[in-house]
Amino acid sequence: MNSVTTCNMFYLFLIHLPLSFNYPKNEVCAVRGSTVVIPCTYVYPGKNHVQKMWCHHHKNCIDTKYVCHSRDINVSPEYKGRAECLGNEHQNCSLKVKNITDTDAGKYRFRFITNSNQWTGQDGVTLTITELRVSMKSLNKNGKIREGDSFNLTCATKGCSLSQSEFIWVKDKERLLETHSTLQFINVSFTPGTVFVVYSCISCSSIFPLGTLVSCHSSNACFIYFYLGVSRVLGTKLSIDGVCISE
């Protein structure tokens, strides 16, 4: 077999290589208000120009508005300016979405079109949405907090890892020095006031690896200092949109 025949056979083998899509095996989790990248790779050995697109809540990505399109064709107004098709024409098919909202949850599928063929990755990937929350844990066995006691506040989510994030803690509009997810209060003391009950609120924000800042606006931790004679007890409540309500 001469070299020309070998090359021709190799070329025929290439153009008949099976196409493959690789989505994340597990669901992708995103925090409301953040930026998320849904990783995706595919193998297409041909040299034809490729159009890439992602769809949301659609099985085949045909005759629908797109989350993103490599040529900015028929993109849904809901995602216009928020979503971006990343990567190149033959390997990377990742999707980037900014300012995540609850309506972004659900199944996403990647599709691409060449001069002669078109494919959709049917398996898709599911995006789940969660939020930052502030929780309090007393270091005392009885769970009650009095002057001189200690407790922790933790800024976390349900389902999403924040291991690579930096945190911002704010107490009564003043930024604290702590940059980790847990804020410790050791041997707390309460400043006496002229009123029977004093409110103090602490909020957390998280700076994600992609540079987006998400604030825990709807889950601020509010503390209520009850002055009961000489004993001052720290109660807890949650703040929803800045208004303290009972937990």
C-alpha atoms as a PDB file:
ATOM      1  CA  MET A   1       0.000   0.000   0.000  1.00  0.00           C
ATOM      2  CA  ASN A   2       1.502   3.327  -1.061  1.00  0.00           C
ATOM      3  CA  SER A   3       1.587   6.483   1.044  1.00  0.00           C
ATOM      4  CA  VAL A   4      -1.190   8.202  -0.962  1.00  0.00           C
ATOM      5  CA  THR A   5      -3.601   5.322  -0.343  1.00  0.00           C
ATOM      6  CA  THR A   6      -2.687   5.295   3.346  1.00  0.00           C
ATOM      7  CA  CYS A   7      -3.358   9.030   3.659  1.00  0.00           C
ATOM      8  CA  ASN A   8      -6.693   8.725   1.860  1.00  0.00           C
ATOM      9  CA  MET A   9      -7.797   5.900   4.148  1.00  0.00           C
ATOM     10  CA  PHE A  10      -6.708   7.886   7.198  1.00  0.00           C
ATOM     11  CA  TYR A  11      -8.734  10.885   5.972  1.00  0.00           C
ATOM     12  CA  LEU A  12     -11.809   8.697   5.456  1.00  0.00           C
ATOM     13  CA  PHE A  13     -11.330   7.317   8.966  1.00  0.00           C
ATOM     14  CA  LEU A  14     -11.213  10.832  10.402  1.00  0.00           C
ATOM     15  CA  ILE A  15     -14.402  12.066   8.787  1.00  0.00           C
ATOM     16  CA  HIS A  16     -16.227   8.968  10.022  1.00  0.00           C
ATOM     17  CA  LEU A  17     -15.014   9.238  13.602  1.00  0.00           C
ATOM     18  CA  PRO A  18     -17.979   9.119  15.984  1.00  0.00           C
ATOM     19  CA  LEU A  19     -19.092  12.422  17.460  1.00  0.00           C
ATOM     20  CA  SER A  20     -18.984  12.633  21.250  1.00  0.00           C
ATOM     21  CA  PHE A  21     -20.365  15.084  23.823  1.00  0.00           C
ATOM     22  CA  ASN A  22     -19.135  15.384  27.384  1.00  0.00           C
ATOM     23  CA  TYR A  23     -21.390  17.092  29.910  1.00  0.00           C
ATOM     24  CA  PRO A  24     -20.812  17.169  33.681  1.00  0.00           C
ATOM     25  CA  LYS A  25     -21.890  13.878  35.264  1.00  0.00           C
ATOM     26  CA  ASN A  26     -23.658  15.673  38.100  1.00  0.00           C
ATOM     27  CA  GLU A  27     -25.959  18.660  38.243  1.00  0.00           C
ATOM     28  CA  VAL A  28     -24.311  22.078  38.117  1.00  0.00           C
ATOM     29  CA  CYS A  29     -25.143  24.305  41.074  1.00  0.00           C
ATOM     30  CA  ALA A  30     -25.187  28.114  40.977  1.00  0.00           C
ATOM     31  CA  VAL A  31     -25.899  30.789  43.571  1.00  0.00           C
ATOM     32  CA  ARG A  32     -28.594  33.302  42.732  1.00  0.00           C
ATOM     33  CA  GLY A  33     -26.990  36.476  41.358  1.00  0.00           C
ATOM     34  CA  SER A  34     -23.658  34.833  40.513  1.00  0.00           C
ATOM     35  CA  THR A  35     -22.003  33.846  37.220  1.00  0.00           C
ATOM     36  CA  VAL A  36     -21.825  30.175  36.283  1.00  0.00           C
ATOM     37  CA  VAL A  37     -19.905  28.286  33.600  1.00  0.00           C
ATOM     38  CA  ILE A  38     -21.434  24.984  32.505  1.00  0.00           C
ATOM     39  CA  PRO A  39     -18.490  22.919  31.234  1.00  0.00           C
ATOM     40  CA  CYS A  40     -18.877  21.007  27.994  1.00  0.00           C
ATOM     41  CA  THR A  41     -16.541  19.382  25.479  1.00  0.00           C
ATOM     42  CA  TYR A  42     -17.210  17.687  22.159  1.00  0.00           C
ATOM     43  CA  VAL A  43     -15.240  15.984  19.416  1.00  0.00           C
ATOM     44  CA  TYR A  44     -15.821  16.920  15.812  1.00  0.00           C
ATOM     45  CA  PRO A  45     -12.922  16.017  13.489  1.00  0.00           C
ATOM     46  CA  GLY A  46     -14.277  17.725  10.380  1.00  0.00           C
ATOM     47  CA  LYS A  47     -12.995  21.023   8.997  1.00  0.00           C
ATOM     48  CA  ASN A  48     -16.370  22.563   8.205  1.00  0.00           C
ATOM     49  CA  HIS A  49     -17.349  25.764   9.972  1.00  0.00           C
ATOM     50  CA  VAL A  50     -19.427  25.115  13.047  1.00  0.00           C
ATOM     51  CA  GLN A  51     -22.342  27.049  14.517  1.00  0.00           C
ATOM     52  CA  LYS A  52     -22.729  26.459  18.259  1.00  0.00           C
ATOM     53  CA  MET A  53     -25.827  27.049  20.336  1.00  0.00           C
ATOM     54  CA  TRP A  54     -27.388  26.182  23.696  1.00  0.00           C
ATOM     55  CA  CYS A  55     -31.069  25.812  24.496  1.00  0.00           C
ATOM     56  CA  HIS A  56     -33.025  25.704  27.754  1.00  0.00           C
ATOM     57  CA  HIS A  57     -36.048  23.476  28.432  1.00  0.00           C
ATOM     58  CA  HIS A  58     -36.034  22.158  24.851  1.00  0.00           C
ATOM     59  CA  LYS A  59     -35.315  18.578  23.819  1.00  0.00           C
ATOM     60  CA  ASN A  60     -33.771  19.070  20.377  1.00  0.00           C
ATOM     61  CA  CYS A  61     -32.777  22.758  20.263  1.00  0.00           C
ATOM     62  CA  ILE A  62     -34.679  23.067  16.982  1.00  0.00           C
ATOM     63  CA  ASP A  63     -37.132  25.875  16.170  1.00  0.00           C
ATOM     64  CA  THR A  64     -36.647  27.571  19.521  1.00  0.00           C
ATOM     65  CA  LYS A  65     -35.056  30.639  21.044  1.00  0.00           C
ATOM     66  CA  TYR A  66     -31.473  30.027  22.130  1.00  0.00           C
ATOM     67  CA  VAL A  67     -29.639  30.751  25.340  1.00  0.00           C
ATOM     68  CA  CYS A  68     -26.626  31.658  23.223  1.00  0.00           C
ATOM     69  CA  HIS A  69     -25.606  31.279  19.585  1.00  0.00           C
ATOM     70  CA  SER A  70     -22.094  31.605  18.210  1.00  0.00           C
ATOM     71  CA  ARG A  71     -23.467  33.873  15.465  1.00  0.00           C
ATOM     72  CA  ASP A  72     -25.920  35.668  17.761  1.00  0.00           C
ATOM     73  CA  ILE A  73     -28.922  34.228  15.888  1.00  0.00           C
ATOM     74  CA  ASN A  74     -32.387  33.952  17.472  1.00  0.00           C
ATOM     75  CA  VAL A  75     -31.143  34.474  21.039  1.00  0.00           C
ATOM     76  CA  SER A  76     -33.874  34.718  23.679  1.00  0.00           C
ATOM     77  CA  PRO A  77     -34.322  38.235  25.131  1.00  0.00           C
ATOM     78  CA  GLU A  78     -34.147  36.578  28.543  1.00  0.00           C
ATOM     79  CA  TYR A  79     -30.501  35.656  27.912  1.00  0.00           C
ATOM     80  CA  LYS A  80     -29.427  38.470  25.605  1.00  0.00           C
ATOM     81  CA  GLY A  81     -26.291  40.021  27.100  1.00  0.00           C
ATOM     82  CA  ARG A  82     -26.246  37.472  29.943  1.00  0.00           C
ATOM     83  CA  ALA A  83     -25.184  34.258  28.209  1.00  0.00           C
ATOM     84  CA  GLU A  84     -22.118  33.473  26.122  1.00  0.00           C
ATOM     85  CA  CYS A  85     -21.022  30.446  24.090  1.00  0.00           C
ATOM     86  CA  LEU A  86     -17.405  29.856  25.074  1.00  0.00           C
ATOM     87  CA  GLY A  87     -14.628  27.840  23.475  1.00  0.00           C
ATOM     88  CA  ASN A  88     -13.734  26.993  19.893  1.00  0.00           C
ATOM     89  CA  GLU A  89     -15.277  25.207  16.926  1.00  0.00           C
ATOM     90  CA  HIS A  90     -13.996  21.710  17.590  1.00  0.00           C
ATOM     91  CA  GLN A  91     -13.516  21.038  21.322  1.00  0.00           C
ATOM     92  CA  ASN A  92     -14.857  23.457  23.923  1.00  0.00           C
ATOM     93  CA  CYS A  93     -18.611  24.031  24.047  1.00  0.00           C
ATOM     94  CA  SER A  94     -18.929  25.549  27.541  1.00  0.00           C
ATOM     95  CA  LEU A  95     -21.750  27.953  28.385  1.00  0.00           C
ATOM     96  CA  LYS A  96     -21.386  31.045  30.579  1.00  0.00           C
ATOM     97  CA  VAL A  97     -24.424  32.717  32.177  1.00  0.00           C
ATOM     98  CA  LYS A  98     -24.263  35.871  34.314  1.00  0.00           C
ATOM     99  CA  ASN A  99     -26.605  37.217  36.982  1.00  0.00           C
ATOM    100  CA  ILE A 100     -28.265  33.864  37.644  1.00  0.00           C
ATOM    101  CA  THR A 101     -31.976  33.936  38.544  1.00  0.00           C
ATOM    102  CA  ASP A 102     -34.423  31.250  39.664  1.00  0.00           C
ATOM    103  CA  THR A 103     -35.850  30.992  36.143  1.00  0.00           C
ATOM    104  CA  ASP A 104     -32.446  29.801  34.884  1.00  0.00           C
ATOM    105  CA  ALA A 105     -32.873  26.455  36.645  1.00  0.00           C
ATOM    106  CA  GLY A 106     -33.515  23.379  34.515  1.00  0.00           C
ATOM    107  CA  LYS A 107     -32.077  21.328  31.666  1.00  0.00           C
ATOM    108  CA  TYR A 108     -29.620  22.795  29.128  1.00  0.00           C
ATOM    109  CA  ARG A 109     -28.545  21.141  25.881  1.00  0.00           C
ATOM    110  CA  PHE A 110     -25.784  21.931  23.415  1.00  0.00           C
ATOM    111  CA  ARG A 111     -26.250  21.754  19.641  1.00  0.00           C
ATOM    112  CA  PHE A 112     -24.003  22.478  16.701  1.00  0.00           C
ATOM    113  CA  ILE A 113     -24.488  22.698  12.958  1.00  0.00           C
ATOM    114  CA  THR A 114     -21.946  22.246  10.149  1.00  0.00           C
ATOM    115  CA  ASN A 115     -22.243  22.626   6.381  1.00  0.00           C
ATOM    116  CA  SER A 116     -23.369  19.014   6.091  1.00  0.00           C
ATOM    117  CA  ASN A 117     -24.539  17.786   9.505  1.00  0.00           C
ATOM    118  CA  GLN A 118     -26.117  18.808  12.804  1.00  0.00           C
ATOM    119  CA  TRP A 119     -26.193  17.237  16.264  1.00  0.00           C
ATOM    120  CA  THR A 120     -27.738  17.833  19.676  1.00  0.00           C
ATOM    121  CA  GLY A 121     -26.314  16.470  22.911  1.00  0.00           C
ATOM    122  CA  GLN A 122     -29.523  14.857  24.154  1.00  0.00           C
ATOM    123  CA  ASP A 123     -28.376  14.063  27.688  1.00  0.00           C
ATOM    124  CA  GLY A 124     -27.952  17.721  28.553  1.00  0.00           C
ATOM    125  CA  VAL A 125     -26.995  19.095  31.951  1.00  0.00           C
ATOM    126  CA  THR A 126     -29.234  20.291  34.780  1.00  0.00           C
ATOM    127  CA  LEU A 127     -28.623  23.622  36.501  1.00  0.00           C
ATOM    128  CA  THR A 128     -29.910  24.078  40.056  1.00  0.00           C
ATOM    129  CA  ILE A 129     -30.178  27.441  41.805  1.00  0.00           C
ATOM    130  CA  THR A 130     -29.591  28.144  45.476  1.00  0.00           C
ATOM    131  CA  GLU A 131     -28.939  31.194  47.666  1.00  0.00           C
ATOM    132  CA  LEU A 132     -26.563  32.426  50.331  1.00  0.00           C
ATOM    133  CA  ARG A 133     -27.826  32.037  53.872  1.00  0.00           C
ATOM    134  CA  VAL A 134     -26.475  33.051  57.258  1.00  0.00           C
ATOM    135  CA  SER A 135     -26.868  30.510  60.045  1.00  0.00           C
ATOM    136  CA  MET A 136     -25.905  30.769  63.704  1.00  0.00           C
ATOM    137  CA  LYS A 137     -24.475  28.031  65.929  1.00  0.00           C
ATOM    138  CA  SER A 138     -24.099  28.473  69.657  1.00  0.00           C
ATOM    139  CA  LEU A 139     -20.949  27.010  71.191  1.00  0.00           C
ATOM    140  CA  ASN A 140     -22.908  26.294  74.352  1.00  0.00           C
ATOM    141  CA  LYS A 141     -24.753  23.040  74.909  1.00  0.00           C
ATOM    142  CA  ASN A 142     -28.051  24.665  75.836  1.00  0.00           C
ATOM    143  CA  GLY A 143     -28.103  26.742  72.643  1.00  0.00           C
ATOM    144  CA  LYS A 144     -28.908  29.975  74.469  1.00  0.00           C
ATOM    145  CA  ILE A 145     -26.502  32.878  74.293  1.00  0.00           C
ATOM    146  CA  ARG A 146     -25.841  35.220  77.168  1.00  0.00           C
ATOM    147  CA  GLU A 147     -23.218  37.850  77.775  1.00  0.00           C
ATOM    148  CA  GLY A 148     -19.795  36.210  77.934  1.00  0.00           C
ATOM    149  CA  ASP A 149     -20.807  33.295  75.683  1.00  0.00           C
ATOM    150  CA  SER A 150     -19.490  32.465  72.188  1.00  0.00           C
ATOM    151  CA  PHE A 151     -21.157  31.612  68.866  1.00  0.00           C
ATOM    152  CA  ASN A 152     -20.412  31.260  65.156  1.00  0.00           C
ATOM    153  CA  LEU A 153     -22.100  32.690  62.084  1.00  0.00           C
ATOM    154  CA  THR A 154     -21.687  30.756  58.836  1.00  0.00           C
ATOM    155  CA  CYS A 155     -22.363  32.030  55.329  1.00  0.00           C
ATOM    156  CA  ALA A 156     -23.225  29.033  53.174  1.00  0.00           C
ATOM    157  CA  THR A 157     -25.494  27.568  50.526  1.00  0.00           C
ATOM    158  CA  LYS A 158     -27.426  24.364  50.144  1.00  0.00           C
ATOM    159  CA  GLY A 159     -25.709  22.276  47.491  1.00  0.00           C
ATOM    160  CA  CYS A 160     -23.074  24.681  46.129  1.00  0.00           C
ATOM    161  CA  SER A 161     -19.431  24.644  47.158  1.00  0.00           C
ATOM    162  CA  LEU A 162     -18.011  28.014  48.220  1.00  0.00           C
ATOM    163  CA  SER A 163     -14.517  26.689  48.948  1.00  0.00           C
ATOM    164  CA  GLN A 164     -12.853  29.058  46.458  1.00  0.00           C
ATOM    165  CA  SER A 165     -14.861  32.122  47.406  1.00  0.00           C
ATOM    166  CA  GLU A 166     -13.886  35.143  49.463  1.00  0.00           C
ATOM    167  CA  PHE A 167     -16.427  36.471  51.943  1.00  0.00           C
ATOM    168  CA  ILE A 168     -17.373  39.958  53.052  1.00  0.00           C
ATOM    169  CA  TRP A 169     -19.042  40.417  56.428  1.00  0.00           C
ATOM    170  CA  VAL A 170     -20.842  43.635  57.303  1.00  0.00           C
ATOM    171  CA  LYS A 171     -22.190  44.524  60.752  1.00  0.00           C
ATOM    172  CA  ASP A 172     -24.535  47.488  60.979  1.00  0.00           C
ATOM    173  CA  LYS A 173     -23.157  48.870  57.670  1.00  0.00           C
ATOM    174  CA  GLU A 174     -19.515  48.519  58.771  1.00  0.00           C
ATOM    175  CA  ARG A 175     -17.270  45.976  57.036  1.00  0.00           C
ATOM    176  CA  LEU A 176     -15.556  43.424  59.276  1.00  0.00           C
ATOM    177  CA  LEU A 177     -12.047  42.012  58.772  1.00  0.00           C
ATOM    178  CA  GLU A 178     -13.078  38.357  58.415  1.00  0.00           C
ATOM    179  CA  THR A 179     -12.877  36.969  54.840  1.00  0.00           C
ATOM    180  CA  HIS A 180     -13.784  33.314  55.500  1.00  0.00           C
ATOM    181  CA  SER A 181     -17.211  31.698  55.515  1.00  0.00           C
ATOM    182  CA  THR A 182     -17.409  31.497  59.318  1.00  0.00           C
ATOM    183  CA  LEU A 183     -17.466  34.509  61.619  1.00  0.00           C
ATOM    184  CA  GLN A 184     -16.644  33.860  65.272  1.00  0.00           C
ATOM    185  CA  PHE A 185     -17.885  35.805  68.269  1.00  0.00           C
ATOM    186  CA  ILE A 186     -15.912  35.043  71.427  1.00  0.00           C
ATOM    187  CA  ASN A 187     -16.975  36.202  74.880  1.00  0.00           C
ATOM    188  CA  VAL A 188     -19.660  38.530  73.549  1.00  0.00           C
ATOM    189  CA  SER A 189     -20.673  41.648  75.427  1.00  0.00           C
ATOM    190  CA  PHE A 190     -23.753  43.777  74.867  1.00  0.00           C
ATOM    191  CA  THR A 191     -23.545  47.543  74.894  1.00  0.00           C
ATOM    192  CA  PRO A 192     -26.294  48.887  77.171  1.00  0.00           C
ATOM    193  CA  GLY A 193     -28.804  51.187  75.516  1.00  0.00           C
ATOM    194  CA  THR A 194     -31.667  53.401  76.535  1.00  0.00           C
ATOM    195  CA  VAL A 195     -34.238  51.086  74.969  1.00  0.00           C
ATOM    196  CA  PHE A 196     -35.383  47.709  76.176  1.00  0.00           C
ATOM    197  CA  VAL A 197     -34.587  45.942  72.889  1.00  0.00           C
ATOM    198  CA  VAL A 198     -31.625  46.694  70.602  1.00  0.00           C
ATOM    199  CA  TYR A 199     -31.382  45.432  66.998  1.00  0.00           C
ATOM    200  CA  SER A 200     -28.099  44.617  65.280  1.00  0.00           C
ATOM    201  CA  CYS A 201     -27.837  42.997  61.833  1.00  0.00           C
ATOM    202  CA  ILE A 202     -24.946  41.202  60.151  1.00  0.00           C
ATOM    203  CA  SER A 203     -24.874  40.282  56.462  1.00  0.00           C
ATOM    204  CA  CYS A 204     -22.489  38.263  54.325  1.00  0.00           C
ATOM    205  CA  SER A 205     -21.452  38.528  50.693  1.00  0.00           C
ATOM    206  CA  SER A 206     -19.421  36.102  48.610  1.00  0.00           C
ATOM    207  CA  ILE A 207     -16.939  36.918  45.844  1.00  0.00           C
ATOM    208  CA  PHE A 208     -16.874  33.989  43.443  1.00  0.00           C
ATOM    209  CA  PRO A 209     -13.853  32.806  41.397  1.00  0.00           C
ATOM    210  CA  LEU A 210     -15.316  34.372  38.237  1.00  0.00           C
ATOM    211  CA  GLY A 211     -15.297  37.748  39.969  1.00  0.00           C
ATOM    212  CA  THR A 212     -19.009  38.154  40.702  1.00  0.00           C
ATOM    213  CA  LEU A 213     -20.181  39.444  44.066  1.00  0.00           C
ATOM    214  CA  VAL A 214     -23.294  37.916  45.604  1.00  0.00           C
ATOM    215  CA  SER A 215     -24.754  39.538  48.703  1.00  0.00           C
ATOM    216  CA  CYS A 216     -26.899  37.760  51.219  1.00  0.00           C
ATOM    217  CA  HIS A 217     -29.573  40.457  51.096  1.00  0.00           C
ATOM    218  CA  SER A 218     -32.533  38.216  51.887  1.00  0.00           C
ATOM    219  CA  SER A 219     -30.900  36.210  54.664  1.00  0.00           C
ATOM    220  CA  ASN A 220     -29.222  38.720  56.949  1.00  0.00           C
ATOM    221  CA  ALA A 221     -28.779  37.588  60.536  1.00  0.00           C
ATOM    222  CA  CYS A 222     -30.438  39.966  62.964  1.00  0.00           C
ATOM    223  CA  PHE A 223     -29.811  39.855  66.656  1.00  0.00           C
ATOM    224  CA  ILE A 224     -32.071  41.172  69.334  1.00  0.00           C
ATOM    225  CA  TYR A 225     -30.634  42.032  72.706  1.00  0.00           C
ATOM    226  CA  PHE A 226     -33.180  41.559  75.463  1.00  0.00           C
ATOM    227  CA  TYR A 227     -32.338  43.442  78.662  1.00  0.00           C
ATOM    228  CA  LEU A 228     -33.793  41.409  81.498  1.00  0.00           C
ATOM    229  CA  GLY A 229     -32.548  43.050  84.671  1.00  0.00           C
ATOM    230  CA  VAL A 230     -28.800  42.460  84.891  1.00  0.00           C
ATOM    231  CA  SER A 231     -28.972  39.472  82.540  1.00  0.00           C
ATOM    232  CA  ARG A 232     -28.804  40.248  78.837  1.00  0.00           C
ATOM    233  CA  VAL A 233     -29.922  37.501  76.458  1.00  0.00           C
ATOM    234  CA  LEU A 234     -29.167  37.384  72.717  1.00  0.00           C
ATOM    235  CA  GLY A 235     -32.129  36.265  70.612  1.00  0.00           C
ATOM    236  CA  THR A 236     -31.931  35.612  66.868  1.00  0.00           C
ATOM    237  CA  LYS A 237     -34.145  36.450  63.935  1.00  0.00           C
ATOM    238  CA  LEU A 238     -33.821  36.452  60.178  1.00  0.00           C
ATOM    239  CA  SER A 239     -34.058  39.561  58.062  1.00  0.00           C
ATOM    240  CA  ILE A 240     -36.030  39.440  54.818  1.00  0.00           C
ATOM    241  CA  ASP A 241     -35.340  42.423  52.562  1.00  0.00           C
ATOM    242  CA  GLY A 242     -34.114  44.391  55.551  1.00  0.00           C
ATOM    243  CA  VAL A 243     -37.154  43.758  57.754  1.00  0.00           C
ATOM    244  CA  CYS A 244     -36.550  41.584  60.814  1.00  0.00           C
ATOM    245  CA  ILE A 245     -39.106  38.818  61.227  1.00  0.00           C
ATOM    246  CA  SER A 246     -39.234  35.839  63.543  1.00  0.00           C
ATOM    247  CA  GLU A 247     -37.220  32.822  62.481  1.00  0.00           C
END
